[in-house]
N, C-alpha and C. Protein backbone atom coordinates (compact mmCIF):
# COMPACT_ATOMS: atom_id res chain seq x y z
N UNK A 1 93.11 66.74 92.95
CA UNK A 1 93.00 67.87 92.03
C UNK A 1 92.35 69.06 92.74
N UNK A 2 91.26 68.83 93.45
CA UNK A 2 90.58 69.93 94.14
C UNK A 2 91.44 70.48 95.27
N UNK A 3 92.20 69.61 95.93
CA UNK A 3 93.05 70.05 97.04
C UNK A 3 94.13 71.00 96.53
N UNK A 4 94.72 70.68 95.39
CA UNK A 4 95.73 71.57 94.79
C UNK A 4 95.14 72.91 94.44
N UNK A 5 93.92 72.90 93.90
CA UNK A 5 93.26 74.15 93.53
C UNK A 5 92.98 74.98 94.78
N UNK A 6 92.56 74.33 95.85
CA UNK A 6 92.28 75.04 97.10
C UNK A 6 93.55 75.69 97.64
N UNK A 7 94.67 74.96 97.60
CA UNK A 7 95.94 75.53 98.07
C UNK A 7 96.35 76.71 97.21
N UNK A 8 96.13 76.60 95.90
CA UNK A 8 96.49 77.70 94.99
C UNK A 8 95.66 78.94 95.30
N UNK A 9 94.36 78.76 95.50
CA UNK A 9 93.49 79.90 95.81
C UNK A 9 93.86 80.52 97.15
N UNK A 10 94.17 79.69 98.13
CA UNK A 10 94.58 80.21 99.44
C UNK A 10 95.88 80.98 99.32
N UNK A 11 96.81 80.46 98.52
CA UNK A 11 98.08 81.14 98.31
C UNK A 11 97.88 82.49 97.66
N UNK A 12 97.01 82.55 96.66
CA UNK A 12 96.73 83.83 95.99
C UNK A 12 96.07 84.79 96.97
N UNK A 13 95.17 84.29 97.78
CA UNK A 13 94.50 85.14 98.77
C UNK A 13 95.49 85.74 99.75
N UNK A 14 96.43 84.92 100.21
CA UNK A 14 97.45 85.41 101.15
C UNK A 14 98.33 86.44 100.46
N UNK A 15 98.68 86.21 99.19
CA UNK A 15 99.52 87.16 98.45
C UNK A 15 98.83 88.52 98.34
N UNK A 16 97.51 88.53 98.26
CA UNK A 16 96.79 89.80 98.19
C UNK A 16 96.56 90.40 99.58
N UNK A 17 96.42 89.54 100.60
CA UNK A 17 96.16 90.04 101.95
C UNK A 17 97.37 90.70 102.57
N UNK A 18 98.57 90.13 102.36
CA UNK A 18 99.78 90.69 102.98
C UNK A 18 100.02 92.13 102.56
N UNK A 19 100.01 92.47 101.26
CA UNK A 19 100.18 93.88 100.88
C UNK A 19 99.06 94.77 101.44
N UNK A 20 97.85 94.23 101.52
CA UNK A 20 96.73 95.01 102.06
C UNK A 20 97.00 95.35 103.53
N UNK A 21 97.47 94.36 104.30
CA UNK A 21 97.79 94.61 105.71
C UNK A 21 98.92 95.62 105.83
N UNK A 22 99.92 95.52 104.94
CA UNK A 22 101.04 96.48 104.97
C UNK A 22 100.51 97.89 104.73
N UNK A 23 99.62 98.04 103.76
CA UNK A 23 99.06 99.37 103.46
C UNK A 23 98.29 99.91 104.66
N UNK A 24 97.53 99.05 105.34
CA UNK A 24 96.77 99.48 106.52
C UNK A 24 97.72 99.95 107.62
N UNK A 25 98.78 99.17 107.86
CA UNK A 25 99.74 99.55 108.90
C UNK A 25 100.45 100.84 108.54
N UNK A 26 100.79 101.02 107.27
CA UNK A 26 101.46 102.25 106.83
C UNK A 26 100.54 103.45 107.05
N UNK A 27 99.26 103.28 106.74
CA UNK A 27 98.31 104.39 106.90
C UNK A 27 98.08 104.71 108.37
N UNK A 28 98.07 103.69 109.23
CA UNK A 28 97.82 103.92 110.65
C UNK A 28 99.03 104.55 111.33
N UNK A 29 100.18 104.00 111.09
CA UNK A 29 101.40 104.52 111.73
C UNK A 29 102.41 104.88 110.65
N UNK A 30 102.85 106.11 110.67
CA UNK A 30 103.75 106.60 109.62
C UNK A 30 105.22 106.34 109.95
N UNK A 31 105.51 105.36 110.81
CA UNK A 31 106.89 105.06 111.16
C UNK A 31 107.52 104.22 110.06
N UNK A 32 108.61 104.71 109.49
CA UNK A 32 109.24 104.00 108.38
C UNK A 32 109.95 102.74 108.85
N UNK A 33 110.44 102.74 110.08
CA UNK A 33 111.17 101.56 110.58
C UNK A 33 110.25 100.34 110.60
N UNK A 34 109.03 100.51 111.06
CA UNK A 34 108.07 99.42 111.11
C UNK A 34 107.79 98.90 109.70
N UNK A 35 107.63 99.80 108.75
CA UNK A 35 107.33 99.43 107.37
C UNK A 35 108.48 98.63 106.77
N UNK A 36 109.69 99.11 106.96
CA UNK A 36 110.86 98.42 106.40
C UNK A 36 110.99 97.02 106.99
N UNK A 37 110.76 96.89 108.28
CA UNK A 37 110.84 95.58 108.94
C UNK A 37 109.78 94.64 108.38
N UNK A 38 108.57 95.14 108.19
CA UNK A 38 107.49 94.32 107.67
C UNK A 38 107.80 93.85 106.26
N UNK A 39 108.26 94.76 105.40
CA UNK A 39 108.58 94.41 104.02
C UNK A 39 109.71 93.40 103.97
N UNK A 40 110.73 93.58 104.80
CA UNK A 40 111.86 92.65 104.85
C UNK A 40 111.39 91.27 105.29
N UNK A 41 110.50 91.22 106.27
CA UNK A 41 109.97 89.95 106.75
C UNK A 41 109.18 89.25 105.66
N UNK A 42 108.36 89.99 104.94
CA UNK A 42 107.56 89.41 103.86
C UNK A 42 108.46 88.88 102.77
N UNK A 43 109.53 89.60 102.43
CA UNK A 43 110.45 89.15 101.39
C UNK A 43 111.17 87.88 101.82
N UNK A 44 111.52 87.78 103.11
CA UNK A 44 112.17 86.57 103.61
C UNK A 44 111.22 85.38 103.54
N UNK A 45 109.95 85.60 103.86
CA UNK A 45 108.96 84.52 103.81
C UNK A 45 108.75 84.10 102.35
N UNK A 46 108.63 85.09 101.48
CA UNK A 46 108.40 84.81 100.06
C UNK A 46 109.65 84.26 99.42
């Protein structure tokens, strides 16, 4: 039971971290090609 909860919390944490990293990369480099590639990769993983 606790193991499932831990996996759920880790999954939620990753779901919040990925968009945060995307926002950081977008703010640092304004290249749209990099952003599109990152979003496409995240969608494929998800």
